Amino acid sequence: MSRRANHEENDMTTLSPTTRIAARLGRARAALSAFALLALLAACATTPRVSTDMDPQADFARYRTYGFYQPLAMEQSGYTTYLTDRIKASIRREMDARGYVFDAAKPDLRVNFQGVVREKTDVYSMPRSDIGYFYSYRARSYVAYPVWYDETQVSRYTEGTLTVDLVDAQRNHLVWTGAAIGRVTQRTPAERIASADQAISAIFQRFPFRASGN
């Protein structure tokens, strides 16, 4: 034990039982606050959750070219946006990197994508501490004691899902799909673009195929 620790321990022994308990609870609160802050920072740093599915009968060995589905699910309004243009560019980057050749007229695969946003609610418990008091007839005074309990917290947030579908163009049949799910916290156009690009990259990390001959 260090000299500082010995000194602190000696100081604690000179305090009343009530003061010692209050001091220990103060340290406990500080530790809980640090834990909560670390948990919050970890949650903010998480990447989107990704899930995929595919048609087990699909023959990816025969796909060499790709284009975009018409109309795209995210462009049902009939016009493009800066965000859909950026998603298209990100998808082209990923497909090109895997050897697929873009062919808008007659592709083997047509790529579709859709974004959905919905409100979510989380209910969780956080450990809390406090000080209770009772009257001690032996000590003829009030004595403090620690109280530990769980406090229920409700968190409301916005969750976004970006889905990418690969469709067999000849059969107009879905053969592979991937979805990235995460909390929507972006406020500026640049942040939305960066988030969409990250989601597309995460989805295609789970895409196991390359163009035939590559």
C-alpha atoms as a PDB file:
ATOM      1  CA  MET A   1       0.000   0.000   0.000  1.00  0.00           C
ATOM      2  CA  SER A   2       1.390   3.443  -0.929  1.00  0.00           C
ATOM      3  CA  ARG A   3       2.045   6.241   1.560  1.00  0.00           C
ATOM      4  CA  ARG A   4      -0.858   8.187   0.006  1.00  0.00           C
ATOM      5  CA  ALA A   5      -3.206   5.244   0.505  1.00  0.00           C
ATOM      6  CA  ASN A   6      -2.021   4.831   4.141  1.00  0.00           C
ATOM      7  CA  HIS A   7      -2.544   8.526   4.743  1.00  0.00           C
ATOM      8  CA  GLU A   8      -6.067   8.396   3.288  1.00  0.00           C
ATOM      9  CA  GLU A   9      -6.893   5.320   5.370  1.00  0.00           C
ATOM     10  CA  ASN A  10      -5.661   7.010   8.537  1.00  0.00           C
ATOM     11  CA  ASP A  11      -7.749  10.085   7.733  1.00  0.00           C
ATOM     12  CA  MET A  12     -10.823   7.885   7.237  1.00  0.00           C
ATOM     13  CA  THR A  13     -10.423   6.316  10.687  1.00  0.00           C
ATOM     14  CA  THR A  14     -10.652   9.737  12.331  1.00  0.00           C
ATOM     15  CA  LEU A  15     -14.022  10.446  10.736  1.00  0.00           C
ATOM     16  CA  SER A  16     -17.410   9.563  12.198  1.00  0.00           C
ATOM     17  CA  PRO A  17     -19.214   6.479  10.824  1.00  0.00           C
ATOM     18  CA  THR A  18     -21.736   8.719   9.051  1.00  0.00           C
ATOM     19  CA  THR A  19     -19.022  10.761   7.327  1.00  0.00           C
ATOM     20  CA  ARG A  20     -17.055   7.644   6.309  1.00  0.00           C
ATOM     21  CA  ILE A  21     -20.140   6.085   4.702  1.00  0.00           C
ATOM     22  CA  ALA A  22     -20.941   9.318   2.863  1.00  0.00           C
ATOM     23  CA  ALA A  23     -17.356   9.513   1.558  1.00  0.00           C
ATOM     24  CA  ARG A  24     -17.458   5.918   0.288  1.00  0.00           C
ATOM     25  CA  LEU A  25     -20.800   6.533  -1.412  1.00  0.00           C
ATOM     26  CA  GLY A  26     -19.360   9.623  -3.067  1.00  0.00           C
ATOM     27  CA  ARG A  27     -16.598   7.477  -4.546  1.00  0.00           C
ATOM     28  CA  ALA A  28     -19.180   4.915  -5.667  1.00  0.00           C
ATOM     29  CA  ARG A  29     -21.190   7.609  -7.433  1.00  0.00           C
ATOM     30  CA  ALA A  30     -18.054   8.834  -9.214  1.00  0.00           C
ATOM     31  CA  ALA A  31     -17.269   5.281 -10.372  1.00  0.00           C
ATOM     32  CA  LEU A  32     -20.823   4.802 -11.661  1.00  0.00           C
ATOM     33  CA  SER A  33     -20.696   8.122 -13.492  1.00  0.00           C
ATOM     34  CA  ALA A  34     -17.439   7.118 -15.196  1.00  0.00           C
ATOM     35  CA  PHE A  35     -18.955   3.749 -16.168  1.00  0.00           C
ATOM     36  CA  ALA A  36     -22.032   5.432 -17.645  1.00  0.00           C
ATOM     37  CA  LEU A  37     -19.863   7.830 -19.662  1.00  0.00           C
ATOM     38  CA  LEU A  38     -17.758   4.989 -21.072  1.00  0.00           C
ATOM     39  CA  ALA A  39     -20.906   3.070 -22.025  1.00  0.00           C
ATOM     40  CA  LEU A  40     -22.288   6.136 -23.796  1.00  0.00           C
ATOM     41  CA  LEU A  41     -19.069   6.699 -25.743  1.00  0.00           C
ATOM     42  CA  ALA A  42     -18.977   3.029 -26.751  1.00  0.00           C
ATOM     43  CA  ALA A  43     -22.565   3.188 -27.988  1.00  0.00           C
ATOM     44  CA  CYS A  44     -21.818   6.263 -30.116  1.00  0.00           C
ATOM     45  CA  ALA A  45     -18.873   4.476 -31.742  1.00  0.00           C
ATOM     46  CA  THR A  46     -20.754   1.394 -32.900  1.00  0.00           C
ATOM     47  CA  THR A  47     -21.084   0.567 -36.614  1.00  0.00           C
ATOM     48  CA  PRO A  48     -24.364  -0.426 -38.280  1.00  0.00           C
ATOM     49  CA  ARG A  49     -25.720  -3.918 -37.682  1.00  0.00           C
ATOM     50  CA  VAL A  50     -25.724  -5.859 -40.942  1.00  0.00           C
ATOM     51  CA  SER A  51     -27.879  -8.814 -41.968  1.00  0.00           C
ATOM     52  CA  THR A  52     -27.964 -10.636 -45.313  1.00  0.00           C
ATOM     53  CA  ASP A  53     -29.972 -13.311 -47.066  1.00  0.00           C
ATOM     54  CA  MET A  54     -29.836 -15.019 -50.451  1.00  0.00           C
ATOM     55  CA  ASP A  55     -31.627 -17.437 -52.722  1.00  0.00           C
ATOM     56  CA  PRO A  56     -29.836 -20.782 -52.216  1.00  0.00           C
ATOM     57  CA  GLN A  57     -30.698 -21.748 -55.797  1.00  0.00           C
ATOM     58  CA  ALA A  58     -29.074 -18.672 -57.359  1.00  0.00           C
ATOM     59  CA  ASP A  59     -26.098 -19.322 -59.644  1.00  0.00           C
ATOM     60  CA  PHE A  60     -23.779 -16.360 -59.125  1.00  0.00           C
ATOM     61  CA  ALA A  61     -21.197 -17.897 -61.443  1.00  0.00           C
ATOM     62  CA  ARG A  62     -23.144 -16.644 -64.466  1.00  0.00           C
ATOM     63  CA  TYR A  63     -23.440 -12.980 -63.410  1.00  0.00           C
ATOM     64  CA  ARG A  64     -20.966 -10.585 -65.023  1.00  0.00           C
ATOM     65  CA  THR A  65     -22.728  -7.246 -65.442  1.00  0.00           C
ATOM     66  CA  TYR A  66     -25.026  -5.059 -63.356  1.00  0.00           C
ATOM     67  CA  GLY A  67     -27.249  -1.996 -63.612  1.00  0.00           C
ATOM     68  CA  PHE A  68     -29.795  -0.229 -61.425  1.00  0.00           C
ATOM     69  CA  TYR A  69     -33.405  -1.300 -61.046  1.00  0.00           C
ATOM     70  CA  GLN A  70     -36.000   1.001 -62.577  1.00  0.00           C
ATOM     71  CA  PRO A  71     -37.611   2.655 -60.764  1.00  0.00           C
ATOM     72  CA  LEU A  72     -35.437   2.488 -57.674  1.00  0.00           C
ATOM     73  CA  ALA A  73     -37.390   1.952 -54.462  1.00  0.00           C
ATOM     74  CA  MET A  74     -35.747   5.048 -52.978  1.00  0.00           C
ATOM     75  CA  GLU A  75     -36.755   7.154 -55.989  1.00  0.00           C
ATOM     76  CA  GLN A  76     -40.473   6.383 -56.129  1.00  0.00           C
ATOM     77  CA  SER A  77     -41.123  10.111 -56.242  1.00  0.00           C
ATOM     78  CA  GLY A  78     -39.703  10.121 -59.770  1.00  0.00           C
ATOM     79  CA  TYR A  79     -36.575  12.194 -59.167  1.00  0.00           C
ATOM     80  CA  THR A  80     -33.084  11.689 -57.753  1.00  0.00           C
ATOM     81  CA  THR A  81     -31.507  13.384 -54.742  1.00  0.00           C
ATOM     82  CA  TYR A  82     -27.950  14.071 -53.633  1.00  0.00           C
ATOM     83  CA  LEU A  83     -28.269  11.110 -51.243  1.00  0.00           C
ATOM     84  CA  THR A  84     -29.514   8.588 -53.821  1.00  0.00           C
ATOM     85  CA  ASP A  85     -26.799   9.761 -56.244  1.00  0.00           C
ATOM     86  CA  ARG A  86     -24.156   9.157 -53.568  1.00  0.00           C
ATOM     87  CA  ILE A  87     -25.560   5.709 -52.721  1.00  0.00           C
ATOM     88  CA  LYS A  88     -25.433   4.784 -56.416  1.00  0.00           C
ATOM     89  CA  ALA A  89     -21.799   5.885 -56.563  1.00  0.00           C
ATOM     90  CA  SER A  90     -20.960   3.827 -53.466  1.00  0.00           C
ATOM     91  CA  ILE A  91     -22.677   0.740 -54.899  1.00  0.00           C
ATOM     92  CA  ARG A  92     -20.855   1.141 -58.216  1.00  0.00           C
ATOM     93  CA  ARG A  93     -17.549   1.355 -56.339  1.00  0.00           C
ATOM     94  CA  GLU A  94     -18.272  -1.902 -54.489  1.00  0.00           C
ATOM     95  CA  MET A  95     -19.557  -3.789 -57.540  1.00  0.00           C
ATOM     96  CA  ASP A  96     -16.689  -2.597 -59.754  1.00  0.00           C
ATOM     97  CA  ALA A  97     -14.180  -3.689 -57.094  1.00  0.00           C
ATOM     98  CA  ARG A  98     -15.625  -7.205 -57.380  1.00  0.00           C
ATOM     99  CA  GLY A  99     -15.175  -7.338 -61.132  1.00  0.00           C
ATOM    100  CA  TYR A 100     -18.743  -6.593 -62.216  1.00  0.00           C
ATOM    101  CA  VAL A 101     -19.161  -4.353 -65.278  1.00  0.00           C
ATOM    102  CA  PHE A 102     -21.821  -1.645 -65.338  1.00  0.00           C
ATOM    103  CA  ASP A 103     -24.396  -2.107 -68.114  1.00  0.00           C
ATOM    104  CA  ALA A 104     -27.460   0.112 -67.866  1.00  0.00           C
ATOM    105  CA  ALA A 105     -29.170  -1.435 -70.918  1.00  0.00           C
ATOM    106  CA  LYS A 106     -29.031  -5.198 -70.433  1.00  0.00           C
ATOM    107  CA  PRO A 107     -27.346  -6.251 -67.164  1.00  0.00           C
ATOM    108  CA  ASP A 108     -27.266  -9.693 -65.565  1.00  0.00           C
ATOM    109  CA  LEU A 109     -28.061  -8.160 -62.166  1.00  0.00           C
ATOM    110  CA  ARG A 110     -30.177  -5.145 -61.300  1.00  0.00           C
ATOM    111  CA  VAL A 111     -29.429  -3.349 -58.025  1.00  0.00           C
ATOM    112  CA  ASN A 112     -32.247  -1.820 -55.984  1.00  0.00           C
ATOM    113  CA  PHE A 113     -32.009   0.028 -52.657  1.00  0.00           C
ATOM    114  CA  GLN A 114     -34.369   1.493 -50.087  1.00  0.00           C
ATOM    115  CA  GLY A 115     -34.078   3.544 -46.900  1.00  0.00           C
ATOM    116  CA  VAL A 116     -36.581   3.322 -44.043  1.00  0.00           C
ATOM    117  CA  VAL A 117     -36.635   5.446 -40.873  1.00  0.00           C
ATOM    118  CA  ARG A 118     -38.746   4.704 -37.791  1.00  0.00           C
ATOM    119  CA  GLU A 119     -38.982   5.764 -34.163  1.00  0.00           C
ATOM    120  CA  LYS A 120     -37.811   3.275 -31.495  1.00  0.00           C
ATOM    121  CA  THR A 121     -37.971   3.090 -27.691  1.00  0.00           C
ATOM    122  CA  ASP A 122     -35.443   1.450 -25.346  1.00  0.00           C
ATOM    123  CA  VAL A 123     -36.228   0.697 -21.694  1.00  0.00           C
ATOM    124  CA  TYR A 124     -33.256  -0.149 -19.462  1.00  0.00           C
ATOM    125  CA  SER A 125     -32.103   0.029 -15.836  1.00  0.00           C
ATOM    126  CA  MET A 126     -29.169   1.955 -14.402  1.00  0.00           C
ATOM    127  CA  PRO A 127     -27.632   1.171 -10.977  1.00  0.00           C
ATOM    128  CA  ARG A 128     -28.006   4.044  -8.526  1.00  0.00           C
ATOM    129  CA  SER A 129     -26.973   4.686  -4.934  1.00  0.00           C
ATOM    130  CA  ASP A 130     -28.161   6.980  -2.166  1.00  0.00           C
ATOM    131  CA  ILE A 131     -27.848   7.476   1.592  1.00  0.00           C
ATOM    132  CA  GLY A 132     -30.563   6.438   4.037  1.00  0.00           C
ATOM    133  CA  TYR A 133     -30.740   7.331   7.725  1.00  0.00           C
ATOM    134  CA  PHE A 134     -32.125   5.620  10.796  1.00  0.00           C
ATOM    135  CA  TYR A 135     -32.141   6.692  14.426  1.00  0.00           C
ATOM    136  CA  SER A 136     -29.832   4.622  16.647  1.00  0.00           C
ATOM    137  CA  TYR A 137     -30.909   4.618  20.277  1.00  0.00           C
ATOM    138  CA  ARG A 138     -27.567   3.137  21.229  1.00  0.00           C
ATOM    139  CA  ALA A 139     -25.640   5.964  19.534  1.00  0.00           C
ATOM    140  CA  ARG A 140     -28.422   8.457  20.331  1.00  0.00           C
ATOM    141  CA  SER A 141     -28.082   9.924  16.834  1.00  0.00           C
ATOM    142  CA  TYR A 142     -29.024   9.308  13.210  1.00  0.00           C
ATOM    143  CA  VAL A 143     -26.773   6.828  11.393  1.00  0.00           C
ATOM    144  CA  ALA A 144     -26.292   6.800   7.612  1.00  0.00           C
ATOM    145  CA  TYR A 145     -26.369   3.615   5.536  1.00  0.00           C
ATOM    146  CA  PRO A 146     -25.949   3.012   1.767  1.00  0.00           C
ATOM    147  CA  VAL A 147     -28.982   2.263  -0.407  1.00  0.00           C
ATOM    148  CA  TRP A 148     -28.530   0.591  -3.820  1.00  0.00           C
ATOM    149  CA  TYR A 149     -31.317   0.377  -6.382  1.00  0.00           C
ATOM    150  CA  ASP A 150     -32.035   0.245 -10.134  1.00  0.00           C
ATOM    151  CA  GLU A 151     -33.548   3.265 -11.843  1.00  0.00           C
ATOM    152  CA  THR A 152     -35.593   2.637 -15.002  1.00  0.00           C
ATOM    153  CA  GLN A 153     -34.672   4.830 -17.958  1.00  0.00           C
ATOM    154  CA  VAL A 154     -36.604   5.270 -21.219  1.00  0.00           C
ATOM    155  CA  SER A 155     -34.717   6.290 -24.352  1.00  0.00           C
ATOM    156  CA  ARG A 156     -36.433   7.283 -27.593  1.00  0.00           C
ATOM    157  CA  TYR A 157     -34.405   7.422 -30.786  1.00  0.00           C
ATOM    158  CA  THR A 158     -34.642   7.183 -34.566  1.00  0.00           C
ATOM    159  CA  GLU A 159     -33.480   3.997 -36.290  1.00  0.00           C
ATOM    160  CA  GLY A 160     -32.645   3.849 -39.987  1.00  0.00           C
ATOM    161  CA  THR A 161     -32.414   0.789 -42.259  1.00  0.00           C
ATOM    162  CA  LEU A 162     -30.689   0.870 -45.645  1.00  0.00           C
ATOM    163  CA  THR A 163     -31.395  -2.212 -47.778  1.00  0.00           C
ATOM    164  CA  VAL A 164     -29.612  -3.274 -50.974  1.00  0.00           C
ATOM    165  CA  ASP A 165     -31.202  -5.918 -53.238  1.00  0.00           C
ATOM    166  CA  LEU A 166     -29.578  -7.761 -56.145  1.00  0.00           C
ATOM    167  CA  VAL A 167     -32.159  -8.977 -58.653  1.00  0.00           C
ATOM    168  CA  ASP A 168     -31.683 -11.490 -61.450  1.00  0.00           C
ATOM    169  CA  ALA A 169     -32.600  -9.257 -64.397  1.00  0.00           C
ATOM    170  CA  GLN A 170     -33.728 -12.046 -66.707  1.00  0.00           C
ATOM    171  CA  ARG A 171     -36.147 -13.558 -64.179  1.00  0.00           C
ATOM    172  CA  ASN A 172     -36.866 -10.364 -62.201  1.00  0.00           C
ATOM    173  CA  HIS A 173     -36.118 -12.448 -59.112  1.00  0.00           C
ATOM    174  CA  LEU A 174     -34.367 -11.420 -55.878  1.00  0.00           C
ATOM    175  CA  VAL A 175     -31.143 -13.417 -55.402  1.00  0.00           C
ATOM    176  CA  TRP A 176     -29.324 -11.524 -52.606  1.00  0.00           C
ATOM    177  CA  THR A 177     -30.184  -8.823 -50.082  1.00  0.00           C
ATOM    178  CA  GLY A 178     -28.272  -6.977 -47.375  1.00  0.00           C
ATOM    179  CA  ALA A 179     -29.455  -4.490 -44.773  1.00  0.00           C
ATOM    180  CA  ALA A 180     -27.559  -2.068 -42.505  1.00  0.00           C
ATOM    181  CA  ILE A 181     -29.406  -0.937 -39.384  1.00  0.00           C
ATOM    182  CA  GLY A 182     -28.306   1.847 -37.057  1.00  0.00           C
ATOM    183  CA  ARG A 183     -29.320   4.928 -35.106  1.00  0.00           C
ATOM    184  CA  VAL A 184     -29.917   8.078 -37.132  1.00  0.00           C
ATOM    185  CA  THR A 185     -27.983  10.957 -35.567  1.00  0.00           C
ATOM    186  CA  GLN A 186     -26.762  12.813 -38.645  1.00  0.00           C
ATOM    187  CA  ARG A 187     -27.761  16.456 -38.904  1.00  0.00           C
ATOM    188  CA  THR A 188     -25.944  17.812 -41.971  1.00  0.00           C
ATOM    189  CA  PRO A 189     -25.941  16.589 -45.605  1.00  0.00           C
ATOM    190  CA  ALA A 190     -22.242  15.721 -45.323  1.00  0.00           C
ATOM    191  CA  GLU A 191     -22.934  13.548 -42.263  1.00  0.00           C
ATOM    192  CA  ARG A 192     -25.802  11.775 -44.036  1.00  0.00           C
ATOM    193  CA  ILE A 193     -23.582  11.057 -47.048  1.00  0.00           C
ATOM    194  CA  ALA A 194     -20.785   9.693 -44.847  1.00  0.00           C
ATOM    195  CA  SER A 195     -23.252   7.498 -42.945  1.00  0.00           C
ATOM    196  CA  ALA A 196     -24.799   6.109 -46.153  1.00  0.00           C
ATOM    197  CA  ASP A 197     -21.341   5.361 -47.571  1.00  0.00           C
ATOM    198  CA  GLN A 198     -20.388   3.552 -44.364  1.00  0.00           C
ATOM    199  CA  ALA A 199     -23.604   1.507 -44.535  1.00  0.00           C
ATOM    200  CA  ILE A 200     -22.983   0.463 -48.161  1.00  0.00           C
ATOM    201  CA  SER A 201     -19.412  -0.578 -47.323  1.00  0.00           C
ATOM    202  CA  ALA A 202     -20.632  -2.615 -44.336  1.00  0.00           C
ATOM    203  CA  ILE A 203     -23.283  -4.364 -46.447  1.00  0.00           C
ATOM    204  CA  PHE A 204     -20.889  -5.346 -49.234  1.00  0.00           C
ATOM    205  CA  GLN A 205     -18.362  -6.678 -46.747  1.00  0.00           C
ATOM    206  CA  ARG A 206     -20.909  -9.491 -46.336  1.00  0.00           C
ATOM    207  CA  PHE A 207     -21.278 -10.047 -50.093  1.00  0.00           C
ATOM    208  CA  PRO A 208     -19.143 -13.153 -50.833  1.00  0.00           C
ATOM    209  CA  PHE A 209     -19.205 -13.230 -54.646  1.00  0.00           C
ATOM    210  CA  ARG A 210     -17.164 -11.869 -57.557  1.00  0.00           C
ATOM    211  CA  ALA A 211     -18.023 -11.562 -61.214  1.00  0.00           C
ATOM    212  CA  SER A 212     -17.593 -14.708 -63.262  1.00  0.00           C
ATOM    213  CA  GLY A 213     -14.030 -14.898 -64.627  1.00  0.00           C
ATOM    214  CA  ASN A 214     -12.566 -12.619 -61.909  1.00  0.00           C
END
